[in-house]
């Protein structure tokens, strides 16, 4: 689908390289990403953003890149904070993305105690082994594994994909989705607190992973994931963690709950948008690669 002349306030390349999604790669002048059972492509053709999907799905980018959000109103609200106001101006093309919930749950279950390149390797291995082959523009890709495919495989087979101890969490999440004890339709309709409580029942899903899933796939825009980068931002720019002893540079369980609730109150109903700008800025400022 062709979009109007390149939107000056929307940059999908920045958005797919901001720690939200992991299965994207650049080939030539185009970016290709795995979105559940599809390959999505975007490119800039003479100042016009062109989106395609394989198999074809009309307007898939509108949902994926949250083009239905009223970003003027959202940015105006989070920009009441002086730092976030500067970051919105500095990174005007950055957007939250709306991921497929299954892919998001498995992705962030793999994200425990590791880095972005390793997450990409793990998810790529899972897709090659359990996904379906799709050819797009003569290139071979593999879709994201279905719940059923992951549920049927063994923990040892998952470990062979380089997941290590995370294989147990993947099996638990796939099993919970397969047997309906983790009901994705319910999670989408439930409020933040109810959905978060259900996610925390699943082995391997802690508070931070739950908040990532809620924000990036279940439309809980008030979710505020806190990793080491956000903890540093809150400490250095807001002084919220003054006097708190952090274990191995991470928040304890109680600290996470306290700081997360404080951040959600402070930044408001679009706290997740503010979090993404803070996260992106902290990594950019540190010179970290995506």
Protein backbone atom coordinates (compact mmCIF):
# COMPACT_ATOMS: atom_id res chain seq x y z
CA UNK A 1 0.00 0.00 0.00
CA UNK A 2 1.32 3.44 -0.91
CA UNK A 3 1.15 6.08 1.80
CA UNK A 4 1.00 9.85 1.21
CA UNK A 5 4.33 11.66 0.70
CA UNK A 6 6.76 10.44 3.33
CA UNK A 7 5.28 11.35 6.67
CA UNK A 8 7.75 13.63 8.41
CA UNK A 9 6.47 12.47 11.79
CA UNK A 10 6.53 8.74 11.16
CA UNK A 11 9.67 6.72 10.50
CA UNK A 12 9.10 2.95 10.42
CA UNK A 13 12.85 2.29 10.24
CA UNK A 14 13.37 3.99 13.60
CA UNK A 15 10.39 2.17 15.05
CA UNK A 16 11.52 -1.33 14.05
CA UNK A 17 14.97 -0.57 15.47
CA UNK A 18 13.89 0.56 18.92
CA UNK A 19 13.85 -2.63 20.96
CA UNK A 20 10.17 -3.41 20.44
CA UNK A 21 10.41 -6.00 17.65
CA UNK A 22 13.27 -8.26 16.67
CA UNK A 23 12.64 -10.12 13.41
CA UNK A 24 13.33 -7.30 10.95
CA UNK A 25 16.16 -7.06 8.43
CA UNK A 26 17.18 -4.66 5.70
CA UNK A 27 17.79 -5.82 2.14
CA UNK A 28 18.74 -3.15 -0.35
CA UNK A 29 16.45 -0.20 0.19
CA UNK A 30 13.66 -2.24 1.79
CA UNK A 31 12.96 -3.61 5.26
CA UNK A 32 11.35 -7.01 5.76
CA UNK A 33 9.79 -8.17 9.02
CA UNK A 34 8.01 -11.21 10.37
CA UNK A 35 4.54 -10.45 11.72
CA UNK A 36 2.90 -13.71 12.85
CA UNK A 37 2.14 -15.67 9.65
CA UNK A 38 3.15 -12.88 7.27
CA UNK A 39 6.19 -11.10 5.93
CA UNK A 40 5.75 -7.33 5.94
CA UNK A 41 7.85 -5.05 3.75
CA UNK A 42 8.28 -1.30 3.64
CA UNK A 43 10.42 0.92 1.46
CA UNK A 44 10.81 4.59 0.62
CA UNK A 45 10.16 5.08 -3.06
CA UNK A 46 10.82 8.66 -4.13
CA UNK A 47 9.60 10.08 -0.83
CA UNK A 48 6.60 7.78 -0.60
CA UNK A 49 6.32 4.97 1.94
CA UNK A 50 5.23 1.75 0.28
CA UNK A 51 4.01 -1.18 2.39
CA UNK A 52 3.44 -4.74 1.22
CA UNK A 53 2.70 -8.04 2.93
CA UNK A 54 3.17 -11.67 1.89
CA UNK A 55 0.59 -13.21 1.84
CA UNK A 56 -1.21 -9.98 1.05
CA UNK A 57 -3.25 -8.33 3.78
CA UNK A 58 -4.77 -4.93 3.17
CA UNK A 59 -3.65 -2.12 5.48
CA UNK A 60 -1.63 -4.43 7.77
CA UNK A 61 0.69 -1.49 8.47
CA UNK A 62 -2.10 0.62 9.97
CA UNK A 63 -2.51 -1.80 12.84
CA UNK A 64 1.16 -2.78 13.15
CA UNK A 65 2.49 0.78 13.32
CA UNK A 66 -0.52 2.11 15.24
CA UNK A 67 -1.35 4.61 12.50
CA UNK A 68 -4.84 4.72 13.97
CA UNK A 69 -3.52 6.37 17.15
CA UNK A 70 -4.13 10.11 17.63
CA UNK A 71 -0.44 10.83 18.06
CA UNK A 72 -0.97 14.60 18.16
CA UNK A 73 -3.09 14.22 21.29
CA UNK A 74 -0.84 11.51 22.76
CA UNK A 75 2.37 13.46 22.25
CA UNK A 76 0.81 16.64 23.59
CA UNK A 77 -0.15 14.79 26.76
CA UNK A 78 3.18 13.07 27.43
CA UNK A 79 5.07 16.24 26.47
CA UNK A 80 3.83 17.86 29.67
CA UNK A 81 7.03 16.36 31.03
CA UNK A 82 9.93 18.62 29.92
CA UNK A 83 12.34 15.78 29.11
CA UNK A 84 9.79 13.80 27.11
CA UNK A 85 8.88 16.99 25.27
CA UNK A 86 12.50 17.28 24.11
CA UNK A 87 12.64 13.60 23.13
CA UNK A 88 9.44 13.77 21.06
CA UNK A 89 11.02 16.66 19.17
CA UNK A 90 14.35 14.81 18.82
CA UNK A 91 12.83 11.51 17.59
CA UNK A 92 9.61 12.57 15.82
CA UNK A 93 9.44 9.40 13.72
CA UNK A 94 9.44 6.96 16.64
CA UNK A 95 6.20 5.07 17.19
CA UNK A 96 4.93 2.30 19.40
CA UNK A 97 4.11 -0.85 17.47
CA UNK A 98 1.19 -3.23 17.86
CA UNK A 99 2.54 -6.77 17.65
CA UNK A 100 0.86 -10.11 17.29
CA UNK A 101 0.30 -11.21 20.92
CA UNK A 102 1.66 -14.75 20.46
CA UNK A 103 4.83 -13.50 18.82
CA UNK A 104 5.20 -10.78 21.46
CA UNK A 105 4.78 -13.18 24.39
CA UNK A 106 7.35 -15.62 23.02
CA UNK A 107 9.73 -12.83 22.01
CA UNK A 108 9.87 -11.23 25.42
CA UNK A 109 10.01 -14.60 27.16
CA UNK A 110 13.21 -15.05 25.13
CA UNK A 111 14.40 -11.57 26.13
CA UNK A 112 15.14 -12.50 29.72
CA UNK A 113 18.69 -11.60 30.78
CA UNK A 114 20.14 -11.21 27.30
CA UNK A 115 20.73 -8.67 24.56
CA UNK A 116 18.98 -7.73 21.33
CA UNK A 117 21.32 -9.60 18.93
CA UNK A 118 20.89 -12.78 20.98
CA UNK A 119 17.10 -12.36 21.04
CA UNK A 120 17.13 -12.07 17.27
CA UNK A 121 19.20 -15.24 16.94
CA UNK A 122 16.89 -17.22 19.22
CA UNK A 123 13.71 -16.06 17.48
CA UNK A 124 15.26 -16.61 14.06
CA UNK A 125 16.16 -20.18 15.00
CA UNK A 126 12.62 -20.82 16.27
CA UNK A 127 11.10 -19.44 13.08
CA UNK A 128 13.35 -21.47 10.80
CA UNK A 129 12.59 -24.68 12.70
CA UNK A 130 8.88 -24.26 13.45
CA UNK A 131 7.60 -21.53 11.10
CA UNK A 132 6.40 -21.79 7.51
CA UNK A 133 8.52 -20.80 4.52
CA UNK A 134 7.35 -17.69 2.66
CA UNK A 135 9.02 -16.31 -0.47
CA UNK A 136 8.86 -12.52 -0.84
CA UNK A 137 10.58 -10.75 -3.73
CA UNK A 138 12.54 -13.92 -4.40
CA UNK A 139 13.87 -14.03 -0.83
CA UNK A 140 13.11 -16.85 1.59
CA UNK A 141 11.67 -16.07 5.02
CA UNK A 142 10.04 -18.10 7.78
CA UNK A 143 6.91 -17.03 9.59
CA UNK A 144 6.65 -17.02 13.37
CA UNK A 145 5.77 -20.42 14.89
CA UNK A 146 2.16 -21.05 15.83
CA UNK A 147 1.12 -21.80 19.39
CA UNK A 148 0.34 -25.36 18.33
CA UNK A 149 3.80 -25.91 16.84
CA UNK A 150 5.52 -24.66 19.98
CA UNK A 151 3.17 -26.58 22.24
CA UNK A 152 3.86 -29.88 20.46
CA UNK A 153 7.64 -29.64 20.62
CA UNK A 154 9.74 -30.68 23.59
CA UNK A 155 11.71 -28.49 25.93
CA UNK A 156 14.93 -30.18 24.82
CA UNK A 157 14.15 -29.40 21.17
CA UNK A 158 13.60 -25.77 22.10
CA UNK A 159 16.92 -25.72 23.92
CA UNK A 160 18.53 -26.86 20.67
CA UNK A 161 17.43 -23.53 19.19
CA UNK A 162 19.74 -21.78 21.63
CA UNK A 163 17.06 -20.81 24.16
CA UNK A 164 18.81 -22.28 27.18
CA UNK A 165 16.73 -22.04 30.38
CA UNK A 166 14.19 -19.89 28.51
CA UNK A 167 12.89 -23.05 26.82
CA UNK A 168 10.89 -23.83 29.96
CA UNK A 169 9.19 -20.44 29.82
CA UNK A 170 8.39 -20.85 26.12
CA UNK A 171 6.83 -24.25 26.78
CA UNK A 172 4.82 -22.83 29.67
CA UNK A 173 3.53 -19.87 27.64
CA UNK A 174 2.68 -22.00 24.61
CA UNK A 175 0.91 -24.53 26.85
CA UNK A 176 -1.10 -21.82 28.61
CA UNK A 177 -2.22 -20.34 25.29
CA UNK A 178 -2.95 -23.77 23.81
CA UNK A 179 -5.16 -24.91 26.69
CA UNK A 180 -6.88 -21.53 27.04
CA UNK A 181 -5.71 -20.76 30.56
CA UNK A 182 -4.04 -17.71 29.04
CA UNK A 183 -6.90 -16.25 27.00
CA UNK A 184 -5.62 -13.59 24.61
CA UNK A 185 -9.11 -12.28 23.82
CA UNK A 186 -9.74 -11.78 27.52
CA UNK A 187 -6.40 -10.06 27.98
CA UNK A 188 -7.22 -7.55 25.22
CA UNK A 189 -10.54 -6.65 26.84
CA UNK A 190 -9.36 -6.66 30.46
CA UNK A 191 -7.90 -3.61 32.14
CA UNK A 192 -4.20 -3.28 32.86
CA UNK A 193 -4.29 -4.78 36.34
CA UNK A 194 -6.42 -7.78 35.41
CA UNK A 195 -4.39 -8.60 32.30
CA UNK A 196 -1.12 -8.20 34.15
CA UNK A 197 -2.26 -10.58 36.91
CA UNK A 198 -3.10 -13.27 34.34
CA UNK A 199 0.26 -12.97 32.61
CA UNK A 200 2.14 -13.23 35.90
CA UNK A 201 0.58 -16.66 36.47
CA UNK A 202 2.67 -18.07 33.62
CA UNK A 203 6.09 -19.48 34.46
CA UNK A 204 8.87 -17.22 33.21
CA UNK A 205 6.75 -14.09 32.88
CA UNK A 206 7.75 -11.55 35.50
CA UNK A 207 6.64 -7.93 35.95
CA UNK A 208 8.88 -6.41 33.26
CA UNK A 209 8.10 -9.04 30.62
CA UNK A 210 4.39 -8.73 31.44
CA UNK A 211 4.54 -4.96 30.97
CA UNK A 212 6.29 -5.37 27.60
CA UNK A 213 3.59 -7.78 26.43
CA UNK A 214 0.82 -5.50 27.68
CA UNK A 215 2.26 -2.43 25.99
CA UNK A 216 3.45 -3.87 22.71
CA UNK A 217 0.64 -6.29 21.87
CA UNK A 218 -2.41 -5.81 24.11
CA UNK A 219 -3.10 -2.07 23.80
CA UNK A 220 -2.36 -1.27 27.46
CA UNK A 221 -0.75 2.08 26.68
CA UNK A 222 -0.37 2.89 30.37
CA UNK A 223 2.02 -0.06 30.86
CA UNK A 224 5.53 1.13 31.73
CA UNK A 225 8.21 -1.58 31.35
CA UNK A 226 11.29 -0.92 33.45
CA UNK A 227 14.59 -2.47 32.45
CA UNK A 228 18.07 -1.28 33.36
CA UNK A 229 17.91 1.53 30.77
CA UNK A 230 14.66 2.92 32.10
CA UNK A 231 15.87 2.54 35.69
CA UNK A 232 18.91 4.62 34.75
CA UNK A 233 16.69 7.24 33.12
CA UNK A 234 14.46 7.48 36.18
CA UNK A 235 17.47 7.72 38.45
CA UNK A 236 19.48 10.24 36.44
CA UNK A 237 16.70 12.47 35.13
CA UNK A 238 14.02 12.18 37.79
CA UNK A 239 15.86 11.15 40.96
CA UNK A 240 13.22 8.54 41.74
CA UNK A 241 15.64 5.84 42.83
CA UNK A 242 17.72 8.01 45.15
CA UNK A 243 18.58 6.07 48.26
CA UNK A 244 17.39 2.76 46.81
CA UNK A 245 19.90 -0.08 46.68
CA UNK A 246 19.62 -1.91 43.40
CA UNK A 247 20.66 -5.54 43.14
CA UNK A 248 23.01 -6.13 40.19
CA UNK A 249 21.77 -2.84 38.67
CA UNK A 250 18.21 -4.15 38.57
CA UNK A 251 15.14 -3.33 40.61
CA UNK A 252 13.95 -5.83 43.17
CA UNK A 253 10.40 -7.12 42.81
CA UNK A 254 9.04 -4.65 45.35
CA UNK A 255 11.01 -1.76 43.84
CA UNK A 256 9.67 -2.61 40.39
CA UNK A 257 6.06 -2.46 41.56
CA UNK A 258 6.58 0.80 43.44
CA UNK A 259 8.45 2.55 40.63
CA UNK A 260 6.15 1.22 37.91
CA UNK A 261 3.07 2.47 39.71
CA UNK A 262 4.71 5.85 40.31
CA UNK A 263 5.65 6.14 36.63
CA UNK A 264 2.14 5.24 35.49
CA UNK A 265 0.68 7.89 37.78
CA UNK A 266 3.21 10.51 36.70
CA UNK A 267 3.12 9.97 32.93
CA UNK A 268 -0.58 9.09 32.78
CA UNK A 269 -2.66 7.00 30.42
CA UNK A 270 0.03 7.09 27.69
CA UNK A 271 2.93 6.24 29.99
CA UNK A 272 4.02 3.53 27.57
CA UNK A 273 4.67 6.07 24.85
CA UNK A 274 6.80 8.13 27.25
CA UNK A 275 8.69 4.98 28.24
CA UNK A 276 9.55 4.19 24.62
CA UNK A 277 11.01 7.64 24.02
CA UNK A 278 13.05 7.40 27.23
CA UNK A 279 14.29 3.90 26.37
CA UNK A 280 15.25 4.85 22.82
CA UNK A 281 17.05 7.99 24.02
CA UNK A 282 19.03 6.23 26.74
CA UNK A 283 20.38 3.63 24.32
CA UNK A 284 21.07 6.16 21.59
CA UNK A 285 22.86 8.42 24.04
CA UNK A 286 25.01 5.48 25.14
CA UNK A 287 25.87 4.62 21.54
CA UNK A 288 24.28 1.16 21.70
CA UNK A 289 23.52 -0.59 18.44
CA UNK A 290 20.11 -1.95 17.62
